[in-house]
PDB file of N, CA and C in Angstrom:
ATOM      1  N   ALA A   1      23.051 -83.781-239.735  1.00  0.00           N
ATOM      2  CA  ALA A   1      23.215 -84.117-238.333  1.00  0.00           C
ATOM      3  C   ALA A   1      23.892 -82.959-237.611  1.00  0.00           C
ATOM      4  N   SER A   2      23.404 -82.640-236.449  1.00  0.00           N
ATOM      5  CA  SER A   2      23.989 -81.543-235.693  1.00  0.00           C
ATOM      6  C   SER A   2      25.366 -81.954-235.187  1.00  0.00           C
ATOM      7  N   ASP A   3      26.172 -80.950-234.836  1.00  0.00           N
ATOM      8  CA  ASP A   3      27.502 -81.235-234.304  1.00  0.00           C
ATOM      9  C   ASP A   3      27.420 -82.046-233.020  1.00  0.00           C
ATOM     10  N   VAL A   4      26.440 -81.735-232.170  1.00  0.00           N
ATOM     11  CA  VAL A   4      26.274 -82.458-230.908  1.00  0.00           C
ATOM     12  C   VAL A   4      25.938 -83.923-231.192  1.00  0.00           C
ATOM     13  N   TYR A   5      25.015 -84.170-232.142  1.00  0.00           N
ATOM     14  CA  TYR A   5      24.639 -85.538-232.501  1.00  0.00           C
ATOM     15  C   TYR A   5      25.844 -86.295-233.055  1.00  0.00           C
ATOM     16  N   LYS A   6      26.580 -85.667-233.972  1.00  0.00           N
ATOM     17  CA  LYS A   6      27.753 -86.316-234.574  1.00  0.00           C
ATOM     18  C   LYS A   6      28.779 -86.677-233.506  1.00  0.00           C
ATOM     19  N   ARG A   7      29.036 -85.737-232.603  1.00  0.00           N
ATOM     20  CA  ARG A   7      30.013 -85.958-231.543  1.00  0.00           C
ATOM     21  C   ARG A   7      29.569 -87.111-230.633  1.00  0.00           C
ATOM     22  N   GLN A   8      28.289 -87.097-230.261  1.00  0.00           N
ATOM     23  CA  GLN A   8      27.765 -88.148-229.381  1.00  0.00           C
ATOM     24  C   GLN A   8      27.796 -89.514-230.074  1.00  0.00           C
ATOM     25  N   LEU A   9      27.404 -89.555-231.351  1.00  0.00           N
ATOM     26  CA  LEU A   9      27.415 -90.810-232.102  1.00  0.00           C
ATOM     27  C   LEU A   9      28.828 -91.386-232.174  1.00  0.00           C
ATOM     28  N   VAL A  10      29.785 -90.563-232.545  1.00  0.00           N
ATOM     29  CA  VAL A  10      31.170 -91.031-232.656  1.00  0.00           C
ATOM     30  C   VAL A  10      31.700 -91.447-231.287  1.00  0.00           C
ATOM     31  N   ASP A  11      31.384 -90.690-230.237  1.00  0.00           N
ATOM     32  CA  ASP A  11      31.807 -91.068-228.880  1.00  0.00           C
ATOM     33  C   ASP A  11      31.261 -92.435-228.501  1.00  0.00           C
ATOM     34  N   GLU A  12      29.987 -92.700-228.810  1.00  0.00           N
ATOM     35  CA  GLU A  12      29.386 -93.995-228.488  1.00  0.00           C
ATOM     36  C   GLU A  12      30.008 -95.121-229.317  1.00  0.00           C
ATOM     37  N   MET A  13      30.343 -94.824-230.576  1.00  0.00           N
ATOM     38  CA  MET A  13      30.983 -95.838-231.420  1.00  0.00           C
ATOM     39  C   MET A  13      32.368 -96.189-230.887  1.00  0.00           C
ATOM     40  N   VAL A  14      33.124 -95.195-230.456  1.00  0.00           N
ATOM     41  CA  VAL A  14      34.458 -95.435-229.907  1.00  0.00           C
ATOM     42  C   VAL A  14      34.350 -96.215-228.598  1.00  0.00           C
ATOM     43  N   ALA A  15      33.378 -95.855-227.755  1.00  0.00           N
ATOM     44  CA  ALA A  15      33.207 -96.525-226.466  1.00  0.00           C
ATOM     45  C   ALA A  15      32.871 -98.008-226.623  1.00  0.00           C
ATOM     46  N   SER A  16      32.113 -98.358-227.656  1.00  0.00           N
ATOM     47  CA  SER A  16      31.695 -99.754-227.818  1.00  0.00           C
ATOM     48  C   SER A  16      32.579-100.541-228.785  1.00  0.00           C
ATOM     49  N   ASN A  17      33.586 -99.900-229.339  1.00  0.00           N
ATOM     50  CA  ASN A  17      34.519-100.551-230.264  1.00  0.00           C
ATOM     51  C   ASN A  17      35.946-100.179-229.856  1.00  0.00           C
ATOM     52  N   PRO A  18      36.568-100.990-229.000  1.00  0.00           N
ATOM     53  CA  PRO A  18      37.874-100.659-228.425  1.00  0.00           C
ATOM     54  C   PRO A  18      38.959-100.288-229.439  1.00  0.00           C
ATOM     55  N   GLY A  19      38.929-100.847-230.628  1.00  0.00           N
ATOM     56  CA  GLY A  19      39.961-100.539-231.616  1.00  0.00           C
ATOM     57  C   GLY A  19      39.694 -99.292-232.429  1.00  0.00           C
ATOM     58  N   ALA A  20      38.526 -98.696-232.269  1.00  0.00           N
ATOM     59  CA  ALA A  20      38.152 -97.528-233.081  1.00  0.00           C
ATOM     60  C   ALA A  20      38.688 -96.243-232.463  1.00  0.00           C
ATOM     61  N   SER A  21      39.041 -95.306-233.313  1.00  0.00           N
ATOM     62  CA  SER A  21      39.484 -93.999-232.821  1.00  0.00           C
ATOM     63  C   SER A  21      38.571 -92.923-233.399  1.00  0.00           C
ATOM     64  N   ARG A  22      38.354 -91.908-232.601  1.00  0.00           N
ATOM     65  CA  ARG A  22      37.525 -90.760-233.000  1.00  0.00           C
ATOM     66  C   ARG A  22      38.061 -90.155-234.307  1.00  0.00           C
ATOM     67  N   GLU A  23      39.354 -89.963-234.382  1.00  0.00           N
ATOM     68  CA  GLU A  23      39.976 -89.338-235.555  1.00  0.00           C
ATOM     69  C   GLU A  23      39.739 -90.166-236.816  1.00  0.00           C
ATOM     70  N   GLU A  24      39.925 -91.484-236.686  1.00  0.00           N
ATOM     71  CA  GLU A  24      39.735 -92.367-237.842  1.00  0.00           C
ATOM     72  C   GLU A  24      38.289 -92.347-238.310  1.00  0.00           C
ATOM     73  N   LEU A  25      37.347 -92.448-237.388  1.00  0.00           N
ATOM     74  CA  LEU A  25      35.923 -92.448-237.765  1.00  0.00           C
ATOM     75  C   LEU A  25      35.545 -91.143-238.453  1.00  0.00           C
ATOM     76  N   LEU A  26      35.973 -90.028-237.896  1.00  0.00           N
ATOM     77  CA  LEU A  26      35.625 -88.729-238.472  1.00  0.00           C
ATOM     78  C   LEU A  26      36.337 -88.476-239.796  1.00  0.00           C
ATOM     79  N   SER A  27      37.551 -88.997-239.956  1.00  0.00           N
ATOM     80  CA  SER A  27      38.294 -88.764-241.201  1.00  0.00           C
ATOM     81  C   SER A  27      37.627 -89.471-242.386  1.00  0.00           C
ATOM     82  N   ARG A  28      36.786 -90.462-242.104  1.00  0.00           N
ATOM     83  CA  ARG A  28      36.122 -91.212-243.164  1.00  0.00           C
ATOM     84  C   ARG A  28      34.759 -90.631-243.531  1.00  0.00           C
ATOM     85  N   ALA A  29      34.382 -89.541-242.864  1.00  0.00           N
ATOM     86  CA  ALA A  29      33.094 -88.892-243.135  1.00  0.00           C
ATOM     87  C   ALA A  29      33.306 -87.677-244.033  1.00  0.00           C
ATOM     88  N   GLU A  30      32.386 -87.491-244.965  1.00  0.00           N
ATOM     89  CA  GLU A  30      32.440 -86.337-245.864  1.00  0.00           C
ATOM     90  C   GLU A  30      31.166 -85.517-245.667  1.00  0.00           C
ATOM     91  N   PHE A  31      31.343 -84.212-245.438  1.00  0.00           N
ATOM     92  CA  PHE A  31      30.214 -83.322-245.173  1.00  0.00           C
ATOM     93  C   PHE A  31      30.092 -82.269-246.274  1.00  0.00           C
ATOM     94  N   ASP A  32      28.859 -81.789-246.498  1.00  0.00           N
ATOM     95  CA  ASP A  32      28.666 -80.706-247.461  1.00  0.00           C
ATOM     96  C   ASP A  32      28.856 -79.359-246.748  1.00  0.00           C
ATOM     97  N   GLU A  33      28.628 -78.272-247.483  1.00  0.00           N
ATOM     98  CA  GLU A  33      28.862 -76.935-246.926  1.00  0.00           C
ATOM     99  C   GLU A  33      27.934 -76.619-245.752  1.00  0.00           C
ATOM    100  N   ASP A  34      26.805 -77.315-245.641  1.00  0.00           N
ATOM    101  CA  ASP A  34      25.872 -77.126-244.525  1.00  0.00           C
ATOM    102  C   ASP A  34      26.129 -78.119-243.391  1.00  0.00           C
ATOM    103  N   GLN A  35      27.246 -78.837-243.476  1.00  0.00           N
ATOM    104  CA  GLN A  35      27.618 -79.861-242.490  1.00  0.00           C
ATOM    105  C   GLN A  35      26.664 -81.053-242.447  1.00  0.00           C
ATOM    106  N   LYS A  36      25.954 -81.285-243.549  1.00  0.00           N
ATOM    107  CA  LYS A  36      25.133 -82.485-243.685  1.00  0.00           C
ATOM    108  C   LYS A  36      26.057 -83.606-244.170  1.00  0.00           C
ATOM    109  N   LEU A  37      25.827 -84.798-243.666  1.00  0.00           N
ATOM    110  CA  LEU A  37      26.678 -85.935-243.996  1.00  0.00           C
ATOM    111  C   LEU A  37      26.434 -86.384-245.438  1.00  0.00           C
ATOM    112  N   LEU A  38      27.461 -86.266-246.269  1.00  0.00           N
ATOM    113  CA  LEU A  38      27.367 -86.683-247.673  1.00  0.00           C
ATOM    114  C   LEU A  38      27.624 -88.180-247.801  1.00  0.00           C
ATOM    115  N   SER A  39      28.677 -88.662-247.172  1.00  0.00           N
ATOM    116  CA  SER A  39      29.004 -90.083-247.236  1.00  0.00           C
ATOM    117  C   SER A  39      29.866 -90.434-246.036  1.00  0.00           C
ATOM    118  N   TRP A  40      29.863 -91.728-245.711  1.00  0.00           N
ATOM    119  CA  TRP A  40      30.677 -92.193-244.586  1.00  0.00           C
ATOM    120  C   TRP A  40      31.151 -93.590-244.925  1.00  0.00           C
ATOM    121  N   ASN A  41      32.451 -93.731-245.114  1.00  0.00           N
ATOM    122  CA  ASN A  41      33.048 -95.008-245.452  1.00  0.00           C
ATOM    123  C   ASN A  41      33.662 -95.628-244.198  1.00  0.00           C
ATOM    124  N   LEU A  42      32.934 -96.514-243.560  1.00  0.00           N
ATOM    125  CA  LEU A  42      33.400 -97.187-242.351  1.00  0.00           C
ATOM    126  C   LEU A  42      33.871 -98.604-242.648  1.00  0.00           C
ATOM    127  N   ARG A  43      34.116 -98.885-243.906  1.00  0.00           N
ATOM    128  CA  ARG A  43      34.519-100.219-244.358  1.00  0.00           C
ATOM    129  C   ARG A  43      35.836-100.639-243.704  1.00  0.00           C
ATOM    130  N   GLY A  44      35.876-101.880-243.228  1.00  0.00           N
ATOM    131  CA  GLY A  44      37.099-102.445-242.700  1.00  0.00           C
ATOM    132  C   GLY A  44      37.660-101.699-241.504  1.00  0.00           C
ATOM    133  N   ASN A  45      36.788-101.189-240.667  1.00  0.00           N
ATOM    134  CA  ASN A  45      37.218-100.369-239.545  1.00  0.00           C
ATOM    135  C   ASN A  45      37.234-101.126-238.218  1.00  0.00           C
ATOM    136  N   GLY A  46      37.023-102.456-238.269  1.00  0.00           N
ATOM    137  CA  GLY A  46      37.058-103.267-237.053  1.00  0.00           C
ATOM    138  C   GLY A  46      35.895-103.051-236.116  1.00  0.00           C
ATOM    139  N   LEU A  47      34.784-102.518-236.633  1.00  0.00           N
ATOM    140  CA  LEU A  47      33.619-102.268-235.785  1.00  0.00           C
ATOM    141  C   LEU A  47      32.936-103.581-235.416  1.00  0.00           C
ATOM    142  N   SER A  48      32.632-103.745-234.141  1.00  0.00           N
ATOM    143  CA  SER A  48      31.918-104.940-233.691  1.00  0.00           C
ATOM    144  C   SER A  48      30.506-104.622-233.218  1.00  0.00           C
ATOM    145  N   SER A  49      30.201-103.339-233.034  1.00  0.00           N
ATOM    146  CA  SER A  49      28.839-102.946-232.668  1.00  0.00           C
ATOM    147  C   SER A  49      28.582-101.501-233.081  1.00  0.00           C
ATOM    148  N   LEU A  50      27.300-101.203-233.275  1.00  0.00           N
ATOM    149  CA  LEU A  50      26.857 -99.851-233.578  1.00  0.00           C
ATOM    150  C   LEU A  50      25.892 -99.427-232.481  1.00  0.00           C
ATOM    151  N   PRO A  51      25.971 -98.176-232.027  1.00  0.00           N
ATOM    152  CA  PRO A  51      25.051 -97.732-230.988  1.00  0.00           C
ATOM    153  C   PRO A  51      23.614 -97.622-231.516  1.00  0.00           C
ATOM    154  N   GLU A  52      22.661 -97.694-230.622  1.00  0.00           N
ATOM    155  CA  GLU A  52      21.247 -97.598-230.988  1.00  0.00           C
ATOM    156  C   GLU A  52      20.960 -96.301-231.744  1.00  0.00           C
ATOM    157  N   MET A  53      21.642 -95.232-231.389  1.00  0.00           N
ATOM    158  CA  MET A  53      21.382 -93.939-232.049  1.00  0.00           C
ATOM    159  C   MET A  53      21.850 -93.920-233.511  1.00  0.00           C
ATOM    160  N   PHE A  54      22.540 -94.953-233.964  1.00  0.00           N
ATOM    161  CA  PHE A  54      22.995 -95.022-235.362  1.00  0.00           C
ATOM    162  C   PHE A  54      21.805 -94.950-236.321  1.00  0.00           C
ATOM    163  N   GLY A  55      20.651 -95.472-235.907  1.00  0.00           N
ATOM    164  CA  GLY A  55      19.461 -95.471-236.753  1.00  0.00           C
ATOM    165  C   GLY A  55      18.909 -94.091-237.053  1.00  0.00           C
ATOM    166  N   SER A  56      19.320 -93.086-236.299  1.00  0.00           N
ATOM    167  CA  SER A  56      18.867 -91.709-236.544  1.00  0.00           C
ATOM    168  C   SER A  56      19.708 -91.015-237.606  1.00  0.00           C
ATOM    169  N   LEU A  57      20.728 -91.691-238.073  1.00  0.00           N
ATOM    170  CA  LEU A  57      21.655 -91.114-239.036  1.00  0.00           C
ATOM    171  C   LEU A  57      20.984 -90.888-240.393  1.00  0.00           C
ATOM    172  N   ARG A  58      21.308 -89.772-241.032  1.00  0.00           N
ATOM    173  CA  ARG A  58      20.859 -89.462-242.382  1.00  0.00           C
ATOM    174  C   ARG A  58      22.094 -89.178-243.227  1.00  0.00           C
ATOM    175  N   VAL A  59      22.254 -89.943-244.294  1.00  0.00           N
ATOM    176  CA  VAL A  59      23.410 -89.799-245.180  1.00  0.00           C
ATOM    177  C   VAL A  59      22.880 -89.482-246.576  1.00  0.00           C
ATOM    178  N   LYS A  60      23.303 -88.364-247.149  1.00  0.00           N
ATOM    179  CA  LYS A  60      22.839 -87.978-248.488  1.00  0.00           C
ATOM    180  C   LYS A  60      23.303 -88.964-249.560  1.00  0.00           C
ATOM    181  N   GLY A  61      24.507 -89.451-249.407  1.00  0.00           N
ATOM    182  CA  GLY A  61      25.097 -90.351-250.396  1.00  0.00           C
ATOM    183  C   GLY A  61      25.228 -91.767-249.879  1.00  0.00           C
ATOM    184  N   ASN A  62      26.459 -92.297-249.946  1.00  0.00           N
ATOM    185  CA  ASN A  62      26.719 -93.696-249.619  1.00  0.00           C
ATOM    186  C   ASN A  62      27.174 -93.887-248.178  1.00  0.00           C
ATOM    187  N   LEU A  63      26.794 -95.054-247.628  1.00  0.00           N
ATOM    188  CA  LEU A  63      27.249 -95.463-246.300  1.00  0.00           C
ATOM    189  C   LEU A  63      27.868 -96.846-246.438  1.00  0.00           C
ATOM    190  N   GLY A  64      29.153 -96.940-246.128  1.00  0.00           N
ATOM    191  CA  GLY A  64      29.864 -98.216-246.252  1.00  0.00           C
ATOM    192  C   GLY A  64      30.160 -98.829-244.902  1.00  0.00           C
ATOM    193  N   LEU A  65      29.587 -99.979-244.645  1.00  0.00           N
ATOM    194  CA  LEU A  65      29.828-100.708-243.391  1.00  0.00           C
ATOM    195  C   LEU A  65      30.457-102.075-243.636  1.00  0.00           C
ATOM    196  N   SER A  66      30.738-102.420-244.876  1.00  0.00           N
ATOM    197  CA  SER A  66      31.267-103.743-245.222  1.00  0.00           C
ATOM    198  C   SER A  66      32.581-104.038-244.512  1.00  0.00           C
ATOM    199  N   ASP A  67      32.882-105.340-244.410  1.00  0.00           N
ATOM    200  CA  ASP A  67      34.154-105.822-243.881  1.00  0.00           C
ATOM    201  C   ASP A  67      34.416-105.387-242.441  1.00  0.00           C
ATOM    202  N   ASN A  68      33.378-105.419-241.621  1.00  0.00           N
ATOM    203  CA  ASN A  68      33.494-105.197-240.187  1.00  0.00           C
ATOM    204  C   ASN A  68      33.048-106.468-239.477  1.00  0.00           C
ATOM    205  N   ASP A  69      33.066-106.468-238.166  1.00  0.00           N
ATOM    206  CA  ASP A  69      32.726-107.657-237.382  1.00  0.00           C
ATOM    207  C   ASP A  69      31.375-107.508-236.692  1.00  0.00           C
ATOM    208  N   LEU A  70      30.397-107.004-237.412  1.00  0.00           N
ATOM    209  CA  LEU A  70      29.073-106.764-236.833  1.00  0.00           C
ATOM    210  C   LEU A  70      28.221-108.029-236.927  1.00  0.00           C
ATOM    211  N   SER A  71      27.984-108.692-235.805  1.00  0.00           N
ATOM    212  CA  SER A  71      27.141-109.886-235.824  1.00  0.00           C
ATOM    213  C   SER A  71      25.660-109.517-235.735  1.00  0.00           C
ATOM    214  N   TYR A  72      25.377-108.277-235.358  1.00  0.00           N
ATOM    215  CA  TYR A  72      23.991-107.800-235.288  1.00  0.00           C
ATOM    216  C   TYR A  72      23.980-106.304-235.584  1.00  0.00           C
ATOM    217  N   LEU A  73      22.813-105.789-235.901  1.00  0.00           N
ATOM    218  CA  LEU A  73      22.607-104.364-236.121  1.00  0.00           C
ATOM    219  C   LEU A  73      21.634-103.870-235.061  1.00  0.00           C
ATOM    220  N   PRO A  74      21.739-102.611-234.647  1.00  0.00           N
ATOM    221  CA  PRO A  74      20.807-102.122-233.633  1.00  0.00           C
ATOM    222  C   PRO A  74      19.363-102.136-234.153  1.00  0.00           C
ATOM    223  N   GLU A  75      18.413-102.273-233.253  1.00  0.00           N
ATOM    224  CA  GLU A  75      16.999-102.301-233.636  1.00  0.00           C
ATOM    225  C   GLU A  75      16.611-101.044-234.412  1.00  0.00           C
ATOM    226  N   SER A  76      17.245 -99.939-234.102  1.00  0.00           N
ATOM    227  CA  SER A  76      16.933 -98.669-234.767  1.00  0.00           C
ATOM    228  C   SER A  76      17.414 -98.619-236.215  1.00  0.00           C
ATOM    229  N   PHE A  77      18.148 -99.632-236.682  1.00  0.00           N
ATOM    230  CA  PHE A  77      18.767 -99.603-238.003  1.00  0.00           C
ATOM    231  C   PHE A  77      17.751 -99.361-239.119  1.00  0.00           C
ATOM    232  N   GLY A  78      16.530 -99.828-238.953  1.00  0.00           N
ATOM    233  CA  GLY A  78      15.495 -99.632-239.967  1.00  0.00           C
ATOM    234  C   GLY A  78      15.079 -98.188-240.145  1.00  0.00           C
ATOM    235  N   SER A  79      15.437 -97.329-239.206  1.00  0.00           N
ATOM    236  CA  SER A  79      15.119 -95.901-239.295  1.00  0.00           C
ATOM    237  C   SER A  79      16.198 -95.119-240.025  1.00  0.00           C
ATOM    238  N   LEU A  80      17.298 -95.781-240.331  1.00  0.00           N
ATOM    239  CA  LEU A  80      18.421 -95.164-241.022  1.00  0.00           C
ATOM    240  C   LEU A  80      17.973 -94.627-242.380  1.00  0.00           C
ATOM    241  N   GLY A  81      18.486 -93.486-242.785  1.00  0.00           N
ATOM    242  CA  GLY A  81      18.193 -92.926-244.099  1.00  0.00           C
ATOM    243  C   GLY A  81      19.465 -92.786-244.911  1.00  0.00           C
ATOM    244  N   VAL A  82      19.539 -93.475-246.041  1.00  0.00           N
ATOM    245  CA  VAL A  82      20.718 -93.429-246.910  1.00  0.00           C
ATOM    246  C   VAL A  82      20.250 -93.061-248.317  1.00  0.00           C
ATOM    247  N   GLY A  83      20.715 -91.929-248.811  1.00  0.00           N
ATOM    248  CA  GLY A  83      20.301 -91.468-250.134  1.00  0.00           C
ATOM    249  C   GLY A  83      20.959 -92.222-251.270  1.00  0.00           C
ATOM    250  N   GLY A  84      22.135 -92.779-251.024  1.00  0.00           N
ATOM    251  CA  GLY A  84      22.874 -93.522-252.037  1.00  0.00           C
ATOM    252  C   GLY A  84      22.868 -95.007-251.734  1.00  0.00           C
ATOM    253  N   ASP A  85      24.045 -95.622-251.850  1.00  0.00           N
ATOM    254  CA  ASP A  85      24.185 -97.062-251.622  1.00  0.00           C
ATOM    255  C   ASP A  85      24.511 -97.349-250.151  1.00  0.00           C
ATOM    256  N   LEU A  86      24.026 -98.487-249.679  1.00  0.00           N
ATOM    257  CA  LEU A  86      24.360 -98.971-248.341  1.00  0.00           C
ATOM    258  C   LEU A  86      25.071-100.301-248.508  1.00  0.00           C
ATOM    259  N   SER A  87      26.331-100.341-248.087  1.00  0.00           N
ATOM    260  CA  SER A  87      27.152-101.533-248.261  1.00  0.00           C
ATOM    261  C   SER A  87      27.239-102.298-246.945  1.00  0.00           C
ATOM    262  N   LEU A  88      26.752-103.557-246.973  1.00  0.00           N
ATOM    263  CA  LEU A  88      26.719-104.404-245.779  1.00  0.00           C
ATOM    264  C   LEU A  88      27.377-105.764-246.018  1.00  0.00           C
ATOM    265  N   ARG A  89      28.317-105.847-246.943  1.00  0.00           N
ATOM    266  CA  ARG A  89      28.966-107.129-247.256  1.00  0.00           C
ATOM    267  C   ARG A  89      29.973-107.531-246.179  1.00  0.00           C
ATOM    268  N   ASN A  90      30.116-108.846-245.998  1.00  0.00           N
ATOM    269  CA  ASN A  90      31.150-109.418-245.122  1.00  0.00           C
ATOM    270  C   ASN A  90      31.120-108.869-243.703  1.00  0.00           C
ATOM    271  N   LEU A  91      29.938-108.890-243.100  1.00  0.00           N
ATOM    272  CA  LEU A  91      29.806-108.402-241.732  1.00  0.00           C
ATOM    273  C   LEU A  91      29.756-109.523-240.707  1.00  0.00           C
ATOM    274  N   GLY A  92      29.310-110.695-241.101  1.00  0.00           N
ATOM    275  CA  GLY A  92      29.120-111.772-240.140  1.00  0.00           C
ATOM    276  C   GLY A  92      27.790-111.677-239.415  1.00  0.00           C
ATOM    277  N   LEU A  93      26.819-111.002-240.037  1.00  0.00           N
ATOM    278  CA  LEU A  93      25.499-110.858-239.407  1.00  0.00           C
ATOM    279  C   LEU A  93      24.866-112.222-239.185  1.00  0.00           C
ATOM    280  N   THR A  94      24.342-112.431-237.995  1.00  0.00           N
ATOM    281  CA  THR A  94      23.616-113.664-237.696  1.00  0.00           C
ATOM    282  C   THR A  94      22.115-113.419-237.740  1.00  0.00           C
ATOM    283  N   THR A  95      21.728-112.168-237.663  1.00  0.00           N
ATOM    284  CA  THR A  95      20.315-111.790-237.715  1.00  0.00           C
ATOM    285  C   THR A  95      20.218-110.318-238.095  1.00  0.00           C
ATOM    286  N   VAL A  96      19.061-109.903-238.539  1.00  0.00           N
ATOM    287  CA  VAL A  96      18.816-108.478-238.783  1.00  0.00           C
ATOM    288  C   VAL A  96      17.631-108.065-237.908  1.00  0.00           C
ATOM    289  N   PRO A  97      17.574-106.810-237.513  1.00  0.00           N
ATOM    290  CA  PRO A  97      16.472-106.371-236.659  1.00  0.00           C
ATOM    291  C   PRO A  97      15.143-106.383-237.406  1.00  0.00           C
ATOM    292  N   GLU A  98      14.060-106.487-236.660  1.00  0.00           N
ATOM    293  CA  GLU A  98      12.728-106.456-237.266  1.00  0.00           C
ATOM    294  C   GLU A  98      12.523-105.217-238.123  1.00  0.00           C
ATOM    295  N   SER A  99      13.099-104.113-237.697  1.00  0.00           N
ATOM    296  CA  SER A  99      12.922-102.837-238.397  1.00  0.00           C
ATOM    297  C   SER A  99      13.625-102.795-239.751  1.00  0.00           C
ATOM    298  N   PHE A 100      14.427-103.798-240.075  1.00  0.00           N
ATOM    299  CA  PHE A 100      15.233-103.789-241.301  1.00  0.00           C
ATOM    300  C   PHE A 100      14.373-103.570-242.545  1.00  0.00           C
ATOM    301  N   GLY A 101      13.169-104.099-242.549  1.00  0.00           N
ATOM    302  CA  GLY A 101      12.271-103.946-243.693  1.00  0.00           C
ATOM    303  C   GLY A 101      11.826-102.519-243.941  1.00  0.00           C
ATOM    304  N   GLN A 102      11.984-101.649-242.954  1.00  0.00           N
ATOM    305  CA  GLN A 102      11.577-100.245-243.078  1.00  0.00           C
ATOM    306  C   GLN A 102      12.716 -99.352-243.551  1.00  0.00           C
ATOM    307  N   LEU A 103      13.881 -99.941-243.720  1.00  0.00           N
ATOM    308  CA  LEU A 103      15.081 -99.217-244.094  1.00  0.00           C
ATOM    309  C   LEU A 103      14.873 -98.476-245.418  1.00  0.00           C
ATOM    310  N   HIS A 104      15.279 -97.207-245.460  1.00  0.00           N
ATOM    311  CA  HIS A 104      15.170 -96.412-246.689  1.00  0.00           C
ATOM    312  C   HIS A 104      16.556 -96.214-247.304  1.00  0.00           C
ATOM    313  N   VAL A 105      16.746 -96.792-248.488  1.00  0.00           N
ATOM    314  CA  VAL A 105      18.004 -96.669-249.212  1.00  0.00           C
ATOM    315  C   VAL A 105      17.684 -96.198-250.632  1.00  0.00           C
ATOM    316  N   GLY A 106      18.304 -95.086-251.034  1.00  0.00           N
ATOM    317  CA  GLY A 106      18.044 -94.542-252.364  1.00  0.00           C
ATOM    318  C   GLY A 106      18.761 -95.276-253.475  1.00  0.00           C
ATOM    319  N   GLY A 107      19.866 -95.918-253.156  1.00  0.00           N
ATOM    320  CA  GLY A 107      20.672 -96.631-254.148  1.00  0.00           C
ATOM    321  C   GLY A 107      20.590 -98.130-253.933  1.00  0.00           C
ATOM    322  N   TYR A 108      21.740 -98.782-254.035  1.00  0.00           N
ATOM    323  CA  TYR A 108      21.815-100.234-253.884  1.00  0.00           C
ATOM    324  C   TYR A 108      22.022-100.644-252.438  1.00  0.00           C
ATOM    325  N   LEU A 109      21.469-101.791-252.104  1.00  0.00           N
ATOM    326  CA  LEU A 109      21.650-102.374-250.778  1.00  0.00           C
ATOM    327  C   LEU A 109      22.404-103.672-250.927  1.00  0.00           C
TER     328      LEU A 109
END
């Protein structure tokens, strides 16, 4: 992900989640030497929504979203690319987007 994309994504996440801080979100992300996202542990971060652009995210390793207050996922979520595990436990989801079936996860879901 480009620096501009990362900055915009985090800005949108902070804007739609009053308790979230830019520093906290970024401190939970791990990047490789090429600044590609290796993993992102957003578990228990009090997130109540994800921006539509979240579906453009590519994570080489694991993406942890468990233990947040997400009652829905953006429609773009099915476009998400996760090379490792995607953790979605204890979110309070009431529905998943139609695109969910297109989701690409290399590890466990």
